[in-house]
Amino acid sequence: MSPIDVGGPEFFLGTAARYVALARPEIDPTQPGVLLAAEQAGVSPEEFAGSGDTWALMYEADGEGDGFELPGARDIEADDFAEQLQRALAAGEPFTAEAGNFLRLDARPSGDSWQVTARVTPPEGHDDDTVRTLDLGALPAAELAADLEAFRRSLA
């Protein structure tokens, strides 16, 4: 099957082995892989691709991960969270930032990096309602600031 390219705004925080990502996936229903998958599933390409307006939170810690949709989450809320992080990083002091009741970040400066811990709380009714605490490690401050700026631009 052809690969399916997924676009849309995404804020990835962490490393390949330990991360949280806040994303609003957008899939082009005209991609060959989408057309084939939709045909195999017996649905229209548009139905297979989805609406592209549903936010999701994904996480992984050492090969074990999960994710969940955030129905009702809006771009403005994602932008507010990113702006909150930007202000906190600029202040240079330890901080806690929250995105709704599903993600809390605790961070403290450490040289040219930030030590970040994420607390992920799945929504009520999710298959696995275990609250996860992920130590994301030392994240370079300059990269974090650039990623936040790029994320906010992708929302505009």
N, C-alpha and C. Protein backbone atom coordinates (compact mmCIF):
# COMPACT_ATOMS: atom_id res chain seq x y z
N MET A 1 0.84 -1.17 0.00
CA MET A 1 0.00 0.00 0.00
C MET A 1 0.89 1.24 0.00
N SER A 2 0.47 2.24 -0.72
CA SER A 2 1.20 3.50 -0.76
C SER A 2 1.17 4.17 0.60
N PRO A 3 2.26 4.85 0.96
CA PRO A 3 2.21 5.59 2.23
C PRO A 3 1.20 6.73 2.14
N ILE A 4 0.67 7.08 3.29
CA ILE A 4 -0.30 8.17 3.36
C ILE A 4 0.36 9.33 4.10
N ASP A 5 0.49 10.46 3.40
CA ASP A 5 1.07 11.64 4.01
C ASP A 5 0.01 12.32 4.89
N VAL A 6 0.45 12.70 6.07
CA VAL A 6 -0.44 13.37 7.01
C VAL A 6 0.14 14.75 7.29
N GLY A 7 -0.66 15.76 7.11
CA GLY A 7 -0.24 17.13 7.40
C GLY A 7 -1.01 17.66 8.59
N GLY A 8 -1.05 18.96 8.69
CA GLY A 8 -1.77 19.60 9.78
C GLY A 8 -0.83 20.06 10.88
N PRO A 9 -1.31 20.93 11.75
CA PRO A 9 -0.49 21.45 12.83
C PRO A 9 -0.12 20.35 13.83
N GLU A 10 1.13 20.40 14.29
CA GLU A 10 1.59 19.43 15.28
C GLU A 10 2.67 20.06 16.15
N PHE A 11 2.56 19.82 17.44
CA PHE A 11 3.60 20.24 18.38
C PHE A 11 4.14 18.98 19.03
N PHE A 12 5.38 18.64 18.70
CA PHE A 12 6.05 17.45 19.18
C PHE A 12 7.03 17.88 20.27
N LEU A 13 6.99 17.22 21.40
CA LEU A 13 7.82 17.59 22.54
C LEU A 13 8.50 16.35 23.09
N GLY A 14 9.82 16.28 22.98
CA GLY A 14 10.55 15.15 23.52
C GLY A 14 11.54 14.59 22.52
N THR A 15 11.75 13.27 22.62
CA THR A 15 12.68 12.55 21.75
C THR A 15 11.91 11.45 21.03
N ALA A 16 12.58 10.73 20.15
CA ALA A 16 11.92 9.64 19.43
C ALA A 16 11.43 8.55 20.38
N ALA A 17 12.10 8.38 21.52
CA ALA A 17 11.73 7.31 22.46
C ALA A 17 10.74 7.76 23.54
N ARG A 18 10.71 9.05 23.85
CA ARG A 18 9.81 9.58 24.89
C ARG A 18 9.29 10.93 24.42
N TYR A 19 7.99 10.97 24.18
CA TYR A 19 7.43 12.22 23.66
C TYR A 19 5.94 12.34 23.98
N VAL A 20 5.47 13.57 23.82
CA VAL A 20 4.05 13.87 23.71
C VAL A 20 3.90 14.72 22.46
N ALA A 21 2.80 14.55 21.78
CA ALA A 21 2.54 15.33 20.56
C ALA A 21 1.08 15.74 20.56
N LEU A 22 0.87 17.00 20.31
CA LEU A 22 -0.46 17.55 20.16
C LEU A 22 -0.62 17.84 18.67
N ALA A 23 -1.62 17.22 18.03
CA ALA A 23 -1.73 17.33 16.58
C ALA A 23 -3.18 17.39 16.12
N ARG A 24 -3.37 18.03 14.98
CA ARG A 24 -4.66 18.02 14.28
C ARG A 24 -4.37 17.49 12.88
N PRO A 25 -4.42 16.15 12.73
CA PRO A 25 -4.06 15.53 11.45
C PRO A 25 -4.99 15.93 10.31
N GLU A 26 -4.38 16.20 9.15
CA GLU A 26 -5.12 16.50 7.94
C GLU A 26 -4.61 15.55 6.86
N ILE A 27 -5.53 14.83 6.23
CA ILE A 27 -5.17 13.87 5.18
C ILE A 27 -5.87 14.28 3.90
N ASP A 28 -5.11 14.35 2.83
CA ASP A 28 -5.66 14.69 1.51
C ASP A 28 -6.34 13.45 0.93
N PRO A 29 -7.66 13.49 0.72
CA PRO A 29 -8.37 12.30 0.25
C PRO A 29 -8.04 11.91 -1.19
N THR A 30 -7.25 12.72 -1.91
CA THR A 30 -6.91 12.38 -3.29
C THR A 30 -5.60 11.60 -3.40
N GLN A 31 -4.93 11.35 -2.29
CA GLN A 31 -3.68 10.58 -2.32
C GLN A 31 -3.96 9.15 -2.76
N PRO A 32 -3.08 8.57 -3.57
CA PRO A 32 -3.28 7.18 -4.01
C PRO A 32 -3.45 6.20 -2.84
N GLY A 33 -2.68 6.35 -1.78
CA GLY A 33 -2.79 5.46 -0.63
C GLY A 33 -4.15 5.58 0.05
N VAL A 34 -4.68 6.78 0.10
CA VAL A 34 -6.00 7.00 0.71
C VAL A 34 -7.08 6.39 -0.17
N LEU A 35 -6.95 6.58 -1.49
CA LEU A 35 -7.94 6.02 -2.41
C LEU A 35 -7.99 4.50 -2.28
N LEU A 36 -6.84 3.87 -2.23
CA LEU A 36 -6.77 2.41 -2.12
C LEU A 36 -7.32 1.94 -0.77
N ALA A 37 -6.90 2.58 0.31
CA ALA A 37 -7.36 2.19 1.64
C ALA A 37 -8.87 2.39 1.79
N ALA A 38 -9.38 3.47 1.22
CA ALA A 38 -10.82 3.73 1.30
C ALA A 38 -11.59 2.66 0.54
N GLU A 39 -11.08 2.31 -0.65
CA GLU A 39 -11.74 1.26 -1.44
C GLU A 39 -11.75 -0.06 -0.66
N GLN A 40 -10.61 -0.40 -0.06
CA GLN A 40 -10.52 -1.65 0.71
C GLN A 40 -11.44 -1.62 1.93
N ALA A 41 -11.63 -0.46 2.52
CA ALA A 41 -12.49 -0.33 3.70
C ALA A 41 -13.96 -0.18 3.32
N GLY A 42 -14.23 0.06 2.04
CA GLY A 42 -15.61 0.20 1.60
C GLY A 42 -16.24 1.53 1.98
N VAL A 43 -15.40 2.58 2.05
CA VAL A 43 -15.91 3.92 2.37
C VAL A 43 -15.38 4.90 1.34
N SER A 44 -15.92 6.10 1.35
CA SER A 44 -15.43 7.12 0.42
C SER A 44 -14.06 7.62 0.90
N PRO A 45 -13.23 8.11 -0.04
CA PRO A 45 -11.94 8.66 0.37
C PRO A 45 -12.08 9.79 1.39
N GLU A 46 -13.13 10.61 1.24
CA GLU A 46 -13.34 11.72 2.18
C GLU A 46 -13.66 11.19 3.58
N GLU A 47 -14.47 10.15 3.64
CA GLU A 47 -14.79 9.55 4.94
C GLU A 47 -13.55 8.91 5.56
N PHE A 48 -12.75 8.23 4.74
CA PHE A 48 -11.53 7.60 5.24
C PHE A 48 -10.55 8.65 5.77
N ALA A 49 -10.41 9.76 5.04
CA ALA A 49 -9.46 10.82 5.43
C ALA A 49 -9.91 11.56 6.68
N GLY A 50 -11.20 11.61 6.93
CA GLY A 50 -11.69 12.33 8.10
C GLY A 50 -11.81 13.80 7.84
N SER A 51 -12.33 14.50 8.83
CA SER A 51 -12.64 15.92 8.66
C SER A 51 -11.43 16.84 8.81
N GLY A 52 -10.37 16.39 9.45
CA GLY A 52 -9.20 17.23 9.63
C GLY A 52 -9.37 18.31 10.66
N ASP A 53 -10.41 18.22 11.49
CA ASP A 53 -10.61 19.26 12.50
C ASP A 53 -10.60 18.71 13.92
N THR A 54 -10.15 17.47 14.10
CA THR A 54 -10.13 16.87 15.42
C THR A 54 -8.70 16.79 15.96
N TRP A 55 -8.49 17.40 17.09
CA TRP A 55 -7.19 17.37 17.75
C TRP A 55 -6.99 16.02 18.44
N ALA A 56 -5.73 15.64 18.56
CA ALA A 56 -5.38 14.40 19.24
C ALA A 56 -4.11 14.61 20.05
N LEU A 57 -3.98 13.83 21.10
CA LEU A 57 -2.75 13.82 21.90
C LEU A 57 -2.18 12.41 21.80
N MET A 58 -0.92 12.33 21.41
CA MET A 58 -0.23 11.05 21.34
C MET A 58 0.97 11.10 22.27
N TYR A 59 1.34 9.93 22.79
CA TYR A 59 2.51 9.89 23.67
C TYR A 59 3.18 8.53 23.55
N GLU A 60 4.45 8.52 23.89
CA GLU A 60 5.21 7.27 23.90
C GLU A 60 6.31 7.37 24.94
N ALA A 61 6.55 6.25 25.59
CA ALA A 61 7.64 6.15 26.55
C ALA A 61 8.30 4.79 26.36
N ASP A 62 9.48 4.79 25.77
CA ASP A 62 10.27 3.57 25.59
C ASP A 62 9.50 2.45 24.91
N GLY A 63 8.86 2.76 23.79
CA GLY A 63 8.18 1.74 23.00
C GLY A 63 6.73 1.49 23.37
N GLU A 64 6.26 2.06 24.45
CA GLU A 64 4.86 1.90 24.82
C GLU A 64 4.18 3.25 24.73
N GLY A 65 3.15 3.31 23.92
CA GLY A 65 2.47 4.58 23.76
C GLY A 65 1.00 4.40 23.47
N ASP A 66 0.35 5.52 23.33
CA ASP A 66 -1.07 5.52 23.08
C ASP A 66 -1.42 6.93 22.61
N GLY A 67 -2.67 7.16 22.47
CA GLY A 67 -3.15 8.47 22.10
C GLY A 67 -4.65 8.49 22.20
N PHE A 68 -5.19 9.67 22.09
CA PHE A 68 -6.64 9.81 22.15
C PHE A 68 -7.05 11.10 21.47
N GLU A 69 -8.26 11.09 20.96
CA GLU A 69 -8.82 12.27 20.33
C GLU A 69 -9.30 13.24 21.40
N LEU A 70 -9.34 14.49 21.02
CA LEU A 70 -9.79 15.55 21.91
C LEU A 70 -10.99 16.26 21.27
N PRO A 71 -12.14 15.59 21.25
CA PRO A 71 -13.31 16.20 20.61
C PRO A 71 -13.63 17.55 21.26
N GLY A 72 -13.92 18.50 20.43
CA GLY A 72 -14.28 19.81 20.94
C GLY A 72 -13.08 20.75 21.11
N ALA A 73 -11.86 20.21 21.07
CA ALA A 73 -10.67 21.09 21.16
C ALA A 73 -10.60 21.92 19.88
N ARG A 74 -10.20 23.16 20.06
CA ARG A 74 -10.16 24.09 18.94
C ARG A 74 -8.76 24.64 18.74
N ASP A 75 -8.50 25.18 17.56
CA ASP A 75 -7.19 25.75 17.25
C ASP A 75 -6.84 26.86 18.24
N ILE A 76 -7.81 27.66 18.63
CA ILE A 76 -7.54 28.78 19.53
C ILE A 76 -7.00 28.27 20.87
N GLU A 77 -7.49 27.14 21.32
CA GLU A 77 -7.00 26.58 22.59
C GLU A 77 -5.57 26.06 22.44
N ALA A 78 -5.27 25.45 21.29
CA ALA A 78 -3.90 25.00 21.04
C ALA A 78 -2.95 26.19 20.98
N ASP A 79 -3.40 27.27 20.34
CA ASP A 79 -2.57 28.47 20.24
C ASP A 79 -2.38 29.11 21.61
N ASP A 80 -3.42 29.13 22.43
CA ASP A 80 -3.30 29.68 23.79
C ASP A 80 -2.28 28.89 24.61
N PHE A 81 -2.30 27.56 24.47
CA PHE A 81 -1.35 26.71 25.18
C PHE A 81 0.07 27.02 24.72
N ALA A 82 0.27 27.12 23.40
CA ALA A 82 1.60 27.43 22.87
C ALA A 82 2.08 28.80 23.33
N GLU A 83 1.17 29.77 23.35
CA GLU A 83 1.53 31.11 23.82
C GLU A 83 1.91 31.08 25.31
N GLN A 84 1.16 30.32 26.09
CA GLN A 84 1.47 30.15 27.51
C GLN A 84 2.88 29.57 27.68
N LEU A 85 3.24 28.58 26.87
CA LEU A 85 4.58 28.00 26.94
C LEU A 85 5.64 29.01 26.53
N GLN A 86 5.37 29.77 25.48
CA GLN A 86 6.34 30.78 25.05
C GLN A 86 6.62 31.79 26.15
N ARG A 87 5.57 32.28 26.80
CA ARG A 87 5.76 33.25 27.88
C ARG A 87 6.56 32.64 29.03
N ALA A 88 6.24 31.40 29.38
CA ALA A 88 6.94 30.73 30.48
C ALA A 88 8.42 30.52 30.15
N LEU A 89 8.70 30.11 28.94
CA LEU A 89 10.09 29.90 28.54
C LEU A 89 10.86 31.22 28.56
N ALA A 90 10.22 32.29 28.10
CA ALA A 90 10.87 33.60 28.07
C ALA A 90 11.18 34.09 29.48
N ALA A 91 10.35 33.74 30.44
CA ALA A 91 10.57 34.17 31.83
C ALA A 91 11.78 33.46 32.44
N GLY A 92 12.11 32.27 31.94
CA GLY A 92 13.30 31.57 32.39
C GLY A 92 13.21 30.95 33.78
N GLU A 93 12.02 30.83 34.32
CA GLU A 93 11.81 30.26 35.65
C GLU A 93 11.07 28.92 35.54
N PRO A 94 11.19 28.07 36.55
CA PRO A 94 10.39 26.83 36.52
C PRO A 94 8.91 27.17 36.36
N PHE A 95 8.20 26.30 35.64
CA PHE A 95 6.78 26.57 35.40
C PHE A 95 5.99 25.28 35.22
N THR A 96 4.68 25.46 35.32
CA THR A 96 3.71 24.41 34.99
C THR A 96 2.76 25.02 33.99
N ALA A 97 2.51 24.29 32.90
CA ALA A 97 1.56 24.74 31.87
C ALA A 97 0.57 23.61 31.63
N GLU A 98 -0.68 23.97 31.45
CA GLU A 98 -1.72 22.97 31.24
C GLU A 98 -2.47 23.20 29.96
N ALA A 99 -2.75 22.10 29.26
CA ALA A 99 -3.62 22.11 28.08
C ALA A 99 -4.85 21.34 28.49
N GLY A 100 -5.91 22.06 28.80
CA GLY A 100 -7.12 21.41 29.28
C GLY A 100 -6.83 20.56 30.50
N ASN A 101 -7.56 19.47 30.63
CA ASN A 101 -7.31 18.58 31.75
C ASN A 101 -6.61 17.30 31.29
N PHE A 102 -6.02 17.34 30.08
CA PHE A 102 -5.40 16.14 29.53
C PHE A 102 -3.88 16.20 29.47
N LEU A 103 -3.27 17.39 29.58
CA LEU A 103 -1.82 17.49 29.51
C LEU A 103 -1.32 18.58 30.44
N ARG A 104 -0.36 18.20 31.27
CA ARG A 104 0.31 19.18 32.13
C ARG A 104 1.81 19.01 31.92
N LEU A 105 2.48 20.13 31.73
CA LEU A 105 3.93 20.13 31.59
C LEU A 105 4.55 20.85 32.77
N ASP A 106 5.51 20.20 33.41
CA ASP A 106 6.31 20.83 34.45
C ASP A 106 7.71 20.95 33.89
N ALA A 107 8.28 22.15 33.95
CA ALA A 107 9.59 22.37 33.36
C ALA A 107 10.44 23.27 34.24
N ARG A 108 11.73 23.02 34.15
CA ARG A 108 12.69 23.87 34.87
C ARG A 108 13.92 24.06 34.00
N PRO A 109 14.50 25.25 34.04
CA PRO A 109 15.68 25.50 33.22
C PRO A 109 16.88 24.71 33.72
N SER A 110 17.70 24.30 32.79
CA SER A 110 18.93 23.56 33.10
C SER A 110 19.96 23.92 32.04
N GLY A 111 20.73 24.98 32.30
CA GLY A 111 21.69 25.45 31.31
C GLY A 111 20.96 25.99 30.09
N ASP A 112 21.33 25.46 28.91
CA ASP A 112 20.69 25.87 27.66
C ASP A 112 19.51 24.97 27.30
N SER A 113 19.01 24.25 28.29
CA SER A 113 17.91 23.31 28.06
C SER A 113 16.82 23.49 29.11
N TRP A 114 15.75 22.76 28.89
CA TRP A 114 14.65 22.69 29.86
C TRP A 114 14.42 21.23 30.20
N GLN A 115 14.39 20.91 31.48
CA GLN A 115 14.01 19.57 31.94
C GLN A 115 12.49 19.56 31.99
N VAL A 116 11.88 18.69 31.21
CA VAL A 116 10.42 18.70 31.07
C VAL A 116 9.83 17.35 31.47
N THR A 117 8.79 17.43 32.27
CA THR A 117 8.02 16.25 32.64
C THR A 117 6.58 16.50 32.20
N ALA A 118 6.01 15.51 31.52
CA ALA A 118 4.63 15.62 31.03
C ALA A 118 3.75 14.67 31.83
N ARG A 119 2.57 15.14 32.14
CA ARG A 119 1.56 14.30 32.80
C ARG A 119 0.37 14.24 31.85
N VAL A 120 0.08 13.03 31.36
CA VAL A 120 -0.97 12.80 30.38
C VAL A 120 -2.15 12.12 31.07
N THR A 121 -3.31 12.73 30.97
CA THR A 121 -4.53 12.19 31.57
C THR A 121 -5.54 11.90 30.46
N PRO A 122 -5.76 10.61 30.16
CA PRO A 122 -6.75 10.27 29.12
C PRO A 122 -8.15 10.73 29.53
N PRO A 123 -8.99 11.00 28.53
CA PRO A 123 -10.36 11.43 28.82
C PRO A 123 -11.18 10.28 29.40
N GLU A 124 -12.22 10.64 30.08
CA GLU A 124 -13.14 9.64 30.63
C GLU A 124 -13.65 8.76 29.50
N GLY A 125 -13.69 7.46 29.76
CA GLY A 125 -14.20 6.53 28.76
C GLY A 125 -13.13 5.98 27.83
N HIS A 126 -11.89 6.47 27.92
CA HIS A 126 -10.81 5.93 27.09
C HIS A 126 -10.49 4.51 27.56
N ASP A 127 -10.10 3.64 26.64
CA ASP A 127 -9.81 2.24 26.96
C ASP A 127 -8.88 2.09 28.16
N ASP A 128 -7.84 2.90 28.19
CA ASP A 128 -6.87 2.86 29.28
C ASP A 128 -6.87 4.23 29.94
N ASP A 129 -7.43 4.32 31.15
CA ASP A 129 -7.54 5.62 31.81
C ASP A 129 -6.39 5.89 32.77
N THR A 130 -5.27 5.15 32.60
CA THR A 130 -4.11 5.35 33.45
C THR A 130 -3.45 6.69 33.18
N VAL A 131 -3.21 7.46 34.22
CA VAL A 131 -2.49 8.72 34.09
C VAL A 131 -1.01 8.39 33.94
N ARG A 132 -0.37 8.96 32.93
CA ARG A 132 1.04 8.69 32.65
C ARG A 132 1.89 9.91 32.97
N THR A 133 3.02 9.66 33.61
CA THR A 133 4.01 10.71 33.84
C THR A 133 5.24 10.34 33.03
N LEU A 134 5.62 11.23 32.12
CA LEU A 134 6.73 10.98 31.21
C LEU A 134 7.84 12.01 31.45
N ASP A 135 9.00 11.54 31.79
CA ASP A 135 10.16 12.42 31.90
C ASP A 135 10.71 12.57 30.49
N LEU A 136 10.55 13.74 29.91
CA LEU A 136 10.97 13.97 28.53
C LEU A 136 12.43 14.35 28.44
N GLY A 137 13.09 14.55 29.57
CA GLY A 137 14.52 14.85 29.57
C GLY A 137 14.81 16.31 29.31
N ALA A 138 16.07 16.55 28.97
CA ALA A 138 16.56 17.91 28.71
C ALA A 138 16.30 18.26 27.25
N LEU A 139 15.47 19.26 27.03
CA LEU A 139 15.13 19.69 25.68
C LEU A 139 15.79 21.04 25.42
N PRO A 140 16.57 21.15 24.32
CA PRO A 140 17.27 22.39 24.02
C PRO A 140 16.32 23.58 23.92
N ALA A 141 16.62 24.63 24.66
CA ALA A 141 15.75 25.81 24.73
C ALA A 141 15.52 26.44 23.36
N ALA A 142 16.58 26.58 22.56
CA ALA A 142 16.43 27.22 21.25
C ALA A 142 15.51 26.41 20.33
N GLU A 143 15.65 25.09 20.34
CA GLU A 143 14.79 24.24 19.51
C GLU A 143 13.35 24.29 19.99
N LEU A 144 13.17 24.29 21.29
CA LEU A 144 11.82 24.36 21.86
C LEU A 144 11.13 25.66 21.45
N ALA A 145 11.85 26.77 21.54
CA ALA A 145 11.29 28.06 21.15
C ALA A 145 10.95 28.08 19.65
N ALA A 146 11.83 27.54 18.82
CA ALA A 146 11.59 27.51 17.38
C ALA A 146 10.40 26.61 17.04
N ASP A 147 10.29 25.46 17.71
CA ASP A 147 9.17 24.55 17.48
C ASP A 147 7.84 25.20 17.86
N LEU A 148 7.83 25.92 18.97
CA LEU A 148 6.61 26.61 19.39
C LEU A 148 6.20 27.68 18.38
N GLU A 149 7.17 28.41 17.89
CA GLU A 149 6.88 29.46 16.89
C GLU A 149 6.33 28.83 15.61
N ALA A 150 6.95 27.74 15.16
CA ALA A 150 6.49 27.06 13.94
C ALA A 150 5.06 26.51 14.14
N PHE A 151 4.80 25.96 15.32
CA PHE A 151 3.48 25.44 15.62
C PHE A 151 2.43 26.56 15.56
N ARG A 152 2.74 27.68 16.17
CA ARG A 152 1.78 28.79 16.16
C ARG A 152 1.55 29.31 14.75
N ARG A 153 2.61 29.35 13.92
CA ARG A 153 2.45 29.78 12.52
C ARG A 153 1.55 28.79 11.77
N SER A 154 1.67 27.50 12.07
CA SER A 154 0.87 26.49 11.36
C SER A 154 -0.62 26.62 11.71
N LEU A 155 -0.91 27.26 12.83
CA LEU A 155 -2.30 27.46 13.25
C LEU A 155 -2.93 28.70 12.62
N ALA A 156 -2.07 29.61 12.15
CA ALA A 156 -2.57 30.88 11.59
C ALA A 156 -3.25 30.71 10.26
